[in-house]
Amino acid sequence: MLKPLWAYRGFIFGNVKREFQSKYRNSLLGASWTVLNPLAMIVVYTVIFSQIMRARLPGVDSAFAYSIYLCAGTLTWSLFSEITGRAQNTFLDNANLLKKLSFPRLCLPVVVIANAVLNFAIIFSLFTLFLLISGNFPGVAYLAVVPLLAILTAFSIGLGITVGVLNVFFRDVGQFFGILLQFWFWLTPIVYPASILPIKAQQLMGYNPIAPLMAGFQTALVVGQWPQWDSLAYPSVFALLLCLLGMKLFRKHAGDMVDEL
């Protein structure tokens, strides 16, 4: 299933480029908005929470700690939500393309993933620059971002393809998943530290596969420490199972999707 993707790499690259350009067509600043939007978010978080509200993280002295904590969580969550949110509709949105052209159907989720990763790379590069300029770069612990992103992306891909295939045959799946994402965000320690929760809630948080990933990002970027690697076993296994499930569903129903659409 993966070998034909290389043969259609031009098709994938062309769609990624076209989609990126179409976002800023007919705008005066063009692709500059890719930089301005995340830059504005980082500035707002920094000014509002560190200077005006003077929010502090327990046990961390830095004035920028909560702003970095918030950015570390929301930026990586945005990668997860963009991949899964767009993947759930990718086959529906490209129904005419699927009916008219013959190409590997897996190209469509790959285009979604490539665009999401490209957007994230730009935004996260700005965030890294902010860490350097503000004197809050975490040092060698920053390298922990690489395996954490790999697990998060694999988890997103598996879940996105699974929901995307199911959404073709059961349209309520997409509606339900949109609601689930909203609850999932607030049930994950992204805007609040898990330490403020009751012990019972912290124990229940262990069943959330995204929670240890967010904790890993925040630990590495806020306090400059390596994440608890053993806590990543659960989301890693979960991500692998989702990828296997998604690919199995895709292989089984790839042909039926065109008829259903």
C-alpha atoms as a PDB file:
ATOM      1  CA  MET A   1       0.000   0.000   0.000  1.00  0.00           C
ATOM      2  CA  LEU A   2       2.870   2.379   0.726  1.00  0.00           C
ATOM      3  CA  LYS A   3       4.956   1.752  -2.413  1.00  0.00           C
ATOM      4  CA  PRO A   4       2.507   3.512  -4.817  1.00  0.00           C
ATOM      5  CA  LEU A   5       2.797   6.677  -2.716  1.00  0.00           C
ATOM      6  CA  TRP A   6       6.357   7.166  -3.931  1.00  0.00           C
ATOM      7  CA  ALA A   7       5.220   6.837  -7.539  1.00  0.00           C
ATOM      8  CA  TYR A   8       2.606   9.546  -6.889  1.00  0.00           C
ATOM      9  CA  ARG A   9       4.925  11.832  -4.909  1.00  0.00           C
ATOM     10  CA  GLY A  10       4.454  14.554  -7.547  1.00  0.00           C
ATOM     11  CA  PHE A  11       0.681  14.389  -7.056  1.00  0.00           C
ATOM     12  CA  ILE A  12       1.108  14.641  -3.275  1.00  0.00           C
ATOM     13  CA  PHE A  13       3.627  17.489  -3.446  1.00  0.00           C
ATOM     14  CA  GLY A  14       1.467  19.398  -5.931  1.00  0.00           C
ATOM     15  CA  ASN A  15      -1.588  19.148  -3.688  1.00  0.00           C
ATOM     16  CA  VAL A  16       0.352  20.234  -0.613  1.00  0.00           C
ATOM     17  CA  LYS A  17       1.752  23.234  -2.488  1.00  0.00           C
ATOM     18  CA  ARG A  18      -1.623  24.160  -3.985  1.00  0.00           C
ATOM     19  CA  GLU A  19      -3.396  23.951  -0.636  1.00  0.00           C
ATOM     20  CA  PHE A  20      -0.719  26.027   1.107  1.00  0.00           C
ATOM     21  CA  GLN A  21      -0.874  28.710  -1.576  1.00  0.00           C
ATOM     22  CA  SER A  22      -4.675  28.780  -1.719  1.00  0.00           C
ATOM     23  CA  LYS A  23      -4.871  29.721   1.980  1.00  0.00           C
ATOM     24  CA  TYR A  24      -3.262  33.094   1.266  1.00  0.00           C
ATOM     25  CA  ARG A  25      -4.337  33.794  -2.293  1.00  0.00           C
ATOM     26  CA  ASN A  26      -5.632  37.353  -2.849  1.00  0.00           C
ATOM     27  CA  SER A  27      -4.197  38.551   0.473  1.00  0.00           C
ATOM     28  CA  LEU A  28      -1.765  41.442   0.542  1.00  0.00           C
ATOM     29  CA  LEU A  29       0.690  39.809   2.948  1.00  0.00           C
ATOM     30  CA  GLY A  30       0.394  36.344   1.417  1.00  0.00           C
ATOM     31  CA  ALA A  31       2.337  33.594   3.194  1.00  0.00           C
ATOM     32  CA  SER A  32       3.463  36.104   5.836  1.00  0.00           C
ATOM     33  CA  TRP A  33       0.242  35.275   7.668  1.00  0.00           C
ATOM     34  CA  THR A  34       1.736  31.837   8.375  1.00  0.00           C
ATOM     35  CA  VAL A  35       4.246  33.634  10.586  1.00  0.00           C
ATOM     36  CA  LEU A  36       2.057  36.475  11.882  1.00  0.00           C
ATOM     37  CA  ASN A  37      -0.774  34.319  13.238  1.00  0.00           C
ATOM     38  CA  PRO A  38       1.333  32.090  15.523  1.00  0.00           C
ATOM     39  CA  LEU A  39       3.549  35.022  16.429  1.00  0.00           C
ATOM     40  CA  ALA A  40       0.487  36.949  17.596  1.00  0.00           C
ATOM     41  CA  MET A  41      -0.631  33.948  19.676  1.00  0.00           C
ATOM     42  CA  ILE A  42       2.775  33.640  21.369  1.00  0.00           C
ATOM     43  CA  VAL A  43       2.856  37.384  22.112  1.00  0.00           C
ATOM     44  CA  VAL A  44      -0.690  37.340  23.544  1.00  0.00           C
ATOM     45  CA  TYR A  45       0.056  34.342  25.775  1.00  0.00           C
ATOM     46  CA  THR A  46       3.287  35.926  26.962  1.00  0.00           C
ATOM     47  CA  VAL A  47       1.898  39.405  27.650  1.00  0.00           C
ATOM     48  CA  ILE A  48      -1.463  38.344  29.113  1.00  0.00           C
ATOM     49  CA  PHE A  49      -0.355  35.469  31.310  1.00  0.00           C
ATOM     50  CA  SER A  50       3.180  36.466  32.308  1.00  0.00           C
ATOM     51  CA  GLN A  51       2.869  40.255  32.556  1.00  0.00           C
ATOM     52  CA  ILE A  52      -0.793  41.153  33.167  1.00  0.00           C
ATOM     53  CA  MET A  53      -2.189  38.107  34.984  1.00  0.00           C
ATOM     54  CA  ARG A  54       1.251  37.128  36.327  1.00  0.00           C
ATOM     55  CA  ALA A  55       0.249  33.471  36.253  1.00  0.00           C
ATOM     56  CA  ARG A  56       2.814  31.141  37.783  1.00  0.00           C
ATOM     57  CA  LEU A  57       3.384  27.412  37.648  1.00  0.00           C
ATOM     58  CA  PRO A  58       3.799  25.636  40.989  1.00  0.00           C
ATOM     59  CA  GLY A  59       7.470  25.003  41.673  1.00  0.00           C
ATOM     60  CA  VAL A  60       8.774  27.033  38.693  1.00  0.00           C
ATOM     61  CA  ASP A  61      10.209  30.509  39.239  1.00  0.00           C
ATOM     62  CA  SER A  62      10.393  31.761  35.658  1.00  0.00           C
ATOM     63  CA  ALA A  63       7.941  34.547  34.784  1.00  0.00           C
ATOM     64  CA  PHE A  64       7.443  32.972  31.369  1.00  0.00           C
ATOM     65  CA  ALA A  65       6.881  29.437  32.698  1.00  0.00           C
ATOM     66  CA  TYR A  66       3.098  29.385  32.340  1.00  0.00           C
ATOM     67  CA  SER A  67       3.211  30.992  28.882  1.00  0.00           C
ATOM     68  CA  ILE A  68       5.704  28.353  27.712  1.00  0.00           C
ATOM     69  CA  TYR A  69       3.608  25.643  29.377  1.00  0.00           C
ATOM     70  CA  LEU A  70       0.528  26.878  27.545  1.00  0.00           C
ATOM     71  CA  CYS A  71       2.287  27.164  24.162  1.00  0.00           C
ATOM     72  CA  ALA A  72       3.911  23.731  24.518  1.00  0.00           C
ATOM     73  CA  GLY A  73       0.494  22.171  25.053  1.00  0.00           C
ATOM     74  CA  THR A  74      -1.651  24.147  22.619  1.00  0.00           C
ATOM     75  CA  LEU A  75       0.811  24.028  19.717  1.00  0.00           C
ATOM     76  CA  THR A  76       1.250  20.261  19.883  1.00  0.00           C
ATOM     77  CA  TRP A  77      -2.471  19.750  20.464  1.00  0.00           C
ATOM     78  CA  SER A  78      -3.155  21.822  17.338  1.00  0.00           C
ATOM     79  CA  LEU A  79      -1.044  19.358  15.320  1.00  0.00           C
ATOM     80  CA  PHE A  80      -3.087  16.453  16.679  1.00  0.00           C
ATOM     81  CA  SER A  81      -6.448  18.165  16.162  1.00  0.00           C
ATOM     82  CA  GLU A  82      -5.570  19.391  12.660  1.00  0.00           C
ATOM     83  CA  ILE A  83      -4.526  15.947  11.431  1.00  0.00           C
ATOM     84  CA  THR A  84      -7.474  14.105  12.957  1.00  0.00           C
ATOM     85  CA  GLY A  85     -10.025  16.843  12.276  1.00  0.00           C
ATOM     86  CA  ARG A  86      -9.118  17.149   8.591  1.00  0.00           C
ATOM     87  CA  ALA A  87      -8.508  13.443   8.032  1.00  0.00           C
ATOM     88  CA  GLN A  88     -12.045  12.621   9.147  1.00  0.00           C
ATOM     89  CA  ASN A  89     -13.428  14.576   6.176  1.00  0.00           C
ATOM     90  CA  THR A  90     -10.696  14.087   3.587  1.00  0.00           C
ATOM     91  CA  PHE A  91     -12.517  11.357   1.645  1.00  0.00           C
ATOM     92  CA  LEU A  92     -15.826  13.244   1.754  1.00  0.00           C
ATOM     93  CA  ASP A  93     -14.264  16.543   0.695  1.00  0.00           C
ATOM     94  CA  ASN A  94     -12.499  14.889  -2.250  1.00  0.00           C
ATOM     95  CA  ALA A  95     -15.435  12.762  -3.403  1.00  0.00           C
ATOM     96  CA  ASN A  96     -15.394  14.203  -6.939  1.00  0.00           C
ATOM     97  CA  LEU A  97     -11.662  13.572  -7.220  1.00  0.00           C
ATOM     98  CA  LEU A  98     -12.081   9.975  -6.101  1.00  0.00           C
ATOM     99  CA  LYS A  99     -14.813   9.378  -8.663  1.00  0.00           C
ATOM    100  CA  LYS A 100     -13.007  10.931 -11.629  1.00  0.00           C
ATOM    101  CA  LEU A 101      -9.345  10.003 -11.180  1.00  0.00           C
ATOM    102  CA  SER A 102      -7.499   6.770 -10.526  1.00  0.00           C
ATOM    103  CA  PHE A 103      -4.778   7.217  -7.892  1.00  0.00           C
ATOM    104  CA  PRO A 104      -3.830   5.635  -4.556  1.00  0.00           C
ATOM    105  CA  ARG A 105      -6.552   6.692  -2.129  1.00  0.00           C
ATOM    106  CA  LEU A 106      -3.956   6.864   0.617  1.00  0.00           C
ATOM    107  CA  CYS A 107      -2.555   9.989  -1.039  1.00  0.00           C
ATOM    108  CA  LEU A 108      -5.382  12.057   0.432  1.00  0.00           C
ATOM    109  CA  PRO A 109      -4.557  11.433   4.112  1.00  0.00           C
ATOM    110  CA  VAL A 110      -0.865  11.908   3.289  1.00  0.00           C
ATOM    111  CA  VAL A 111      -1.623  15.373   1.875  1.00  0.00           C
ATOM    112  CA  VAL A 112      -3.502  16.249   5.076  1.00  0.00           C
ATOM    113  CA  ILE A 113      -0.611  15.033   7.239  1.00  0.00           C
ATOM    114  CA  ALA A 114       2.022  16.856   5.152  1.00  0.00           C
ATOM    115  CA  ASN A 115       0.116  20.149   5.351  1.00  0.00           C
ATOM    116  CA  ALA A 116      -0.407  19.833   9.095  1.00  0.00           C
ATOM    117  CA  VAL A 117       3.266  19.009   9.696  1.00  0.00           C
ATOM    118  CA  LEU A 118       4.347  21.930   7.481  1.00  0.00           C
ATOM    119  CA  ASN A 119       2.148  24.373   9.405  1.00  0.00           C
ATOM    120  CA  PHE A 120       3.369  22.980  12.712  1.00  0.00           C
ATOM    121  CA  ALA A 121       7.025  23.210  11.670  1.00  0.00           C
ATOM    122  CA  ILE A 122       6.634  26.920  10.909  1.00  0.00           C
ATOM    123  CA  ILE A 123       4.790  27.668  14.146  1.00  0.00           C
ATOM    124  CA  PHE A 124       7.081  25.578  16.338  1.00  0.00           C
ATOM    125  CA  SER A 125      10.164  27.180  14.794  1.00  0.00           C
ATOM    126  CA  LEU A 126       8.853  30.572  15.917  1.00  0.00           C
ATOM    127  CA  PHE A 127       8.174  29.196  19.371  1.00  0.00           C
ATOM    128  CA  THR A 128      11.729  27.835  19.525  1.00  0.00           C
ATOM    129  CA  LEU A 129      13.035  31.255  18.504  1.00  0.00           C
ATOM    130  CA  PHE A 130      11.003  32.796  21.338  1.00  0.00           C
ATOM    131  CA  LEU A 131      12.581  30.333  23.812  1.00  0.00           C
ATOM    132  CA  LEU A 132      16.049  31.328  22.619  1.00  0.00           C
ATOM    133  CA  ILE A 133      15.415  35.083  22.715  1.00  0.00           C
ATOM    134  CA  SER A 134      13.739  35.019  26.133  1.00  0.00           C
ATOM    135  CA  GLY A 135      16.539  32.919  27.631  1.00  0.00           C
ATOM    136  CA  ASN A 136      14.239  29.969  28.357  1.00  0.00           C
ATOM    137  CA  PHE A 137      15.659  27.414  25.921  1.00  0.00           C
ATOM    138  CA  PRO A 138      15.541  24.045  27.740  1.00  0.00           C
ATOM    139  CA  GLY A 139      18.938  22.811  26.536  1.00  0.00           C
ATOM    140  CA  VAL A 140      19.543  19.199  25.546  1.00  0.00           C
ATOM    141  CA  ALA A 141      16.067  18.192  26.818  1.00  0.00           C
ATOM    142  CA  TYR A 142      14.705  19.942  23.720  1.00  0.00           C
ATOM    143  CA  LEU A 143      15.691  16.797  21.775  1.00  0.00           C
ATOM    144  CA  ALA A 144      12.891  14.929  23.571  1.00  0.00           C
ATOM    145  CA  VAL A 145      10.498  16.778  21.264  1.00  0.00           C
ATOM    146  CA  VAL A 146      11.517  14.502  18.371  1.00  0.00           C
ATOM    147  CA  PRO A 147      10.294  11.126  19.769  1.00  0.00           C
ATOM    148  CA  LEU A 148       7.296  12.818  21.359  1.00  0.00           C
ATOM    149  CA  LEU A 149       6.261  14.288  18.012  1.00  0.00           C
ATOM    150  CA  ALA A 150       6.780  10.917  16.310  1.00  0.00           C
ATOM    151  CA  ILE A 151       4.398   9.212  18.753  1.00  0.00           C
ATOM    152  CA  LEU A 152       1.856  12.047  18.568  1.00  0.00           C
ATOM    153  CA  THR A 153       1.906  12.058  14.752  1.00  0.00           C
ATOM    154  CA  ALA A 154       1.527   8.268  14.562  1.00  0.00           C
ATOM    155  CA  PHE A 155      -1.375   8.441  17.002  1.00  0.00           C
ATOM    156  CA  SER A 156      -2.997  11.210  14.948  1.00  0.00           C
ATOM    157  CA  ILE A 157      -2.526   9.343  11.669  1.00  0.00           C
ATOM    158  CA  GLY A 158      -4.023   6.111  12.989  1.00  0.00           C
ATOM    159  CA  LEU A 159      -7.001   7.843  14.590  1.00  0.00           C
ATOM    160  CA  GLY A 160      -7.536  10.171  11.615  1.00  0.00           C
ATOM    161  CA  ILE A 161      -7.599   7.411   9.002  1.00  0.00           C
ATOM    162  CA  THR A 162      -9.841   5.231  11.180  1.00  0.00           C
ATOM    163  CA  VAL A 163     -12.377   8.014  11.717  1.00  0.00           C
ATOM    164  CA  GLY A 164     -12.051   9.136   8.074  1.00  0.00           C
ATOM    165  CA  VAL A 165     -13.008   5.709   6.714  1.00  0.00           C
ATOM    166  CA  LEU A 166     -15.863   5.259   9.196  1.00  0.00           C
ATOM    167  CA  ASN A 167     -17.178   8.748   8.426  1.00  0.00           C
ATOM    168  CA  VAL A 168     -17.741   7.799   4.785  1.00  0.00           C
ATOM    169  CA  PHE A 169     -20.223   5.113   5.783  1.00  0.00           C
ATOM    170  CA  PHE A 170     -21.580   6.611   9.006  1.00  0.00           C
ATOM    171  CA  ARG A 171     -21.732  10.419   8.789  1.00  0.00           C
ATOM    172  CA  ASP A 172     -22.582  10.744  12.484  1.00  0.00           C
ATOM    173  CA  VAL A 173     -19.032   9.627  13.270  1.00  0.00           C
ATOM    174  CA  GLY A 174     -17.618  12.947  12.087  1.00  0.00           C
ATOM    175  CA  GLN A 175     -20.144  14.953  14.091  1.00  0.00           C
ATOM    176  CA  PHE A 176     -19.490  12.929  17.219  1.00  0.00           C
ATOM    177  CA  PHE A 177     -15.713  13.158  16.815  1.00  0.00           C
ATOM    178  CA  GLY A 178     -15.864  16.965  16.621  1.00  0.00           C
ATOM    179  CA  ILE A 179     -17.640  17.035  19.987  1.00  0.00           C
ATOM    180  CA  LEU A 180     -15.235  14.461  21.402  1.00  0.00           C
ATOM    181  CA  LEU A 181     -12.231  16.634  20.485  1.00  0.00           C
ATOM    182  CA  GLN A 182     -13.650  19.553  22.455  1.00  0.00           C
ATOM    183  CA  PHE A 183     -14.099  17.456  25.598  1.00  0.00           C
ATOM    184  CA  TRP A 184     -10.764  15.721  25.002  1.00  0.00           C
ATOM    185  CA  PHE A 185      -8.936  19.068  25.010  1.00  0.00           C
ATOM    186  CA  TRP A 186     -10.293  20.120  28.389  1.00  0.00           C
ATOM    187  CA  LEU A 187      -9.837  16.642  29.890  1.00  0.00           C
ATOM    188  CA  THR A 188      -6.133  16.829  29.030  1.00  0.00           C
ATOM    189  CA  PRO A 189      -3.724  18.901  31.192  1.00  0.00           C
ATOM    190  CA  ILE A 190      -2.926  21.550  28.574  1.00  0.00           C
ATOM    191  CA  VAL A 191      -4.091  24.835  30.097  1.00  0.00           C
ATOM    192  CA  TYR A 192      -3.806  23.575  33.679  1.00  0.00           C
ATOM    193  CA  PRO A 193      -1.230  21.373  35.444  1.00  0.00           C
ATOM    194  CA  ALA A 194      -2.385  17.885  36.427  1.00  0.00           C
ATOM    195  CA  SER A 195      -1.069  18.487  39.959  1.00  0.00           C
ATOM    196  CA  ILE A 196      -4.030  20.764  40.783  1.00  0.00           C
ATOM    197  CA  LEU A 197      -6.510  17.921  40.204  1.00  0.00           C
ATOM    198  CA  PRO A 198      -7.757  15.612  42.961  1.00  0.00           C
ATOM    199  CA  ILE A 199      -5.876  12.319  43.300  1.00  0.00           C
ATOM    200  CA  LYS A 200      -8.815  10.390  41.840  1.00  0.00           C
ATOM    201  CA  ALA A 201      -8.885  12.629  38.751  1.00  0.00           C
ATOM    202  CA  GLN A 202      -5.116  12.269  38.321  1.00  0.00           C
ATOM    203  CA  GLN A 203      -5.500   8.498  38.367  1.00  0.00           C
ATOM    204  CA  LEU A 204      -8.257   8.656  35.749  1.00  0.00           C
ATOM    205  CA  MET A 205      -6.003  10.889  33.646  1.00  0.00           C
ATOM    206  CA  GLY A 206      -3.767   7.850  33.218  1.00  0.00           C
ATOM    207  CA  TYR A 207      -6.305   6.396  30.778  1.00  0.00           C
ATOM    208  CA  ASN A 208      -5.975   9.413  28.478  1.00  0.00           C
ATOM    209  CA  PRO A 209      -3.292   8.449  25.899  1.00  0.00           C
ATOM    210  CA  ILE A 210      -2.622  12.096  24.985  1.00  0.00           C
ATOM    211  CA  ALA A 211      -1.977  13.193  28.597  1.00  0.00           C
ATOM    212  CA  PRO A 212       1.520  11.651  28.963  1.00  0.00           C
ATOM    213  CA  LEU A 213       2.528  13.126  25.597  1.00  0.00           C
ATOM    214  CA  MET A 214       1.446  16.632  26.625  1.00  0.00           C
ATOM    215  CA  ALA A 215       3.206  16.151  29.967  1.00  0.00           C
ATOM    216  CA  GLY A 216       6.342  15.104  28.095  1.00  0.00           C
ATOM    217  CA  PHE A 217       6.333  18.226  25.912  1.00  0.00           C
ATOM    218  CA  GLN A 218       5.716  20.488  28.881  1.00  0.00           C
ATOM    219  CA  THR A 219       8.341  18.827  31.069  1.00  0.00           C
ATOM    220  CA  ALA A 220      10.985  19.116  28.351  1.00  0.00           C
ATOM    221  CA  LEU A 221      10.183  22.674  27.287  1.00  0.00           C
ATOM    222  CA  VAL A 222       9.261  24.293  30.609  1.00  0.00           C
ATOM    223  CA  VAL A 223      11.672  22.794  33.121  1.00  0.00           C
ATOM    224  CA  GLY A 224      14.276  21.382  30.732  1.00  0.00           C
ATOM    225  CA  GLN A 225      14.008  17.810  31.985  1.00  0.00           C
ATOM    226  CA  TRP A 226      13.614  14.557  30.095  1.00  0.00           C
ATOM    227  CA  PRO A 227      10.076  13.157  30.104  1.00  0.00           C
ATOM    228  CA  GLN A 228       9.251   9.979  31.982  1.00  0.00           C
ATOM    229  CA  TRP A 229       9.965   7.554  29.163  1.00  0.00           C
ATOM    230  CA  ASP A 230       8.070   4.661  30.754  1.00  0.00           C
ATOM    231  CA  SER A 231       4.875   6.751  30.693  1.00  0.00           C
ATOM    232  CA  LEU A 232       5.112   6.899  26.876  1.00  0.00           C
ATOM    233  CA  ALA A 233       4.718   3.130  26.459  1.00  0.00           C
ATOM    234  CA  TYR A 234       0.914   3.370  26.705  1.00  0.00           C
ATOM    235  CA  PRO A 235       0.436   6.078  24.002  1.00  0.00           C
ATOM    236  CA  SER A 236       3.060   4.352  21.803  1.00  0.00           C
ATOM    237  CA  VAL A 237       1.216   1.028  21.870  1.00  0.00           C
ATOM    238  CA  PHE A 238      -2.103   2.843  21.422  1.00  0.00           C
ATOM    239  CA  ALA A 239      -0.700   4.693  18.389  1.00  0.00           C
ATOM    240  CA  LEU A 240       0.561   1.448  16.829  1.00  0.00           C
ATOM    241  CA  LEU A 241      -2.798  -0.271  17.319  1.00  0.00           C
ATOM    242  CA  LEU A 242      -4.655   2.692  15.818  1.00  0.00           C
ATOM    243  CA  CYS A 243      -2.356   2.710  12.771  1.00  0.00           C
ATOM    244  CA  LEU A 244      -2.919  -1.015  12.247  1.00  0.00           C
ATOM    245  CA  LEU A 245      -6.684  -0.597  12.669  1.00  0.00           C
ATOM    246  CA  GLY A 246      -6.793   2.385  10.328  1.00  0.00           C
ATOM    247  CA  MET A 247      -4.800   0.630   7.601  1.00  0.00           C
ATOM    248  CA  LYS A 248      -6.893  -2.520   7.944  1.00  0.00           C
ATOM    249  CA  LEU A 249     -10.139  -0.556   7.599  1.00  0.00           C
ATOM    250  CA  PHE A 250      -8.711   1.371   4.668  1.00  0.00           C
ATOM    251  CA  ARG A 251      -7.577  -1.759   2.803  1.00  0.00           C
ATOM    252  CA  LYS A 252     -10.910  -3.461   3.380  1.00  0.00           C
ATOM    253  CA  HIS A 253     -13.145  -0.546   2.352  1.00  0.00           C
ATOM    254  CA  ALA A 254     -11.042   1.503  -0.110  1.00  0.00           C
ATOM    255  CA  GLY A 255     -13.041   0.170  -3.044  1.00  0.00           C
ATOM    256  CA  ASP A 256     -16.414   0.494  -1.327  1.00  0.00           C
ATOM    257  CA  MET A 257     -15.812   4.147  -0.434  1.00  0.00           C
ATOM    258  CA  VAL A 258     -16.138   5.325  -4.045  1.00  0.00           C
ATOM    259  CA  ASP A 259     -19.528   3.588  -4.368  1.00  0.00           C
ATOM    260  CA  GLU A 260     -20.685   5.025  -1.063  1.00  0.00           C
ATOM    261  CA  LEU A 261     -19.640   8.542  -2.065  1.00  0.00           C
END
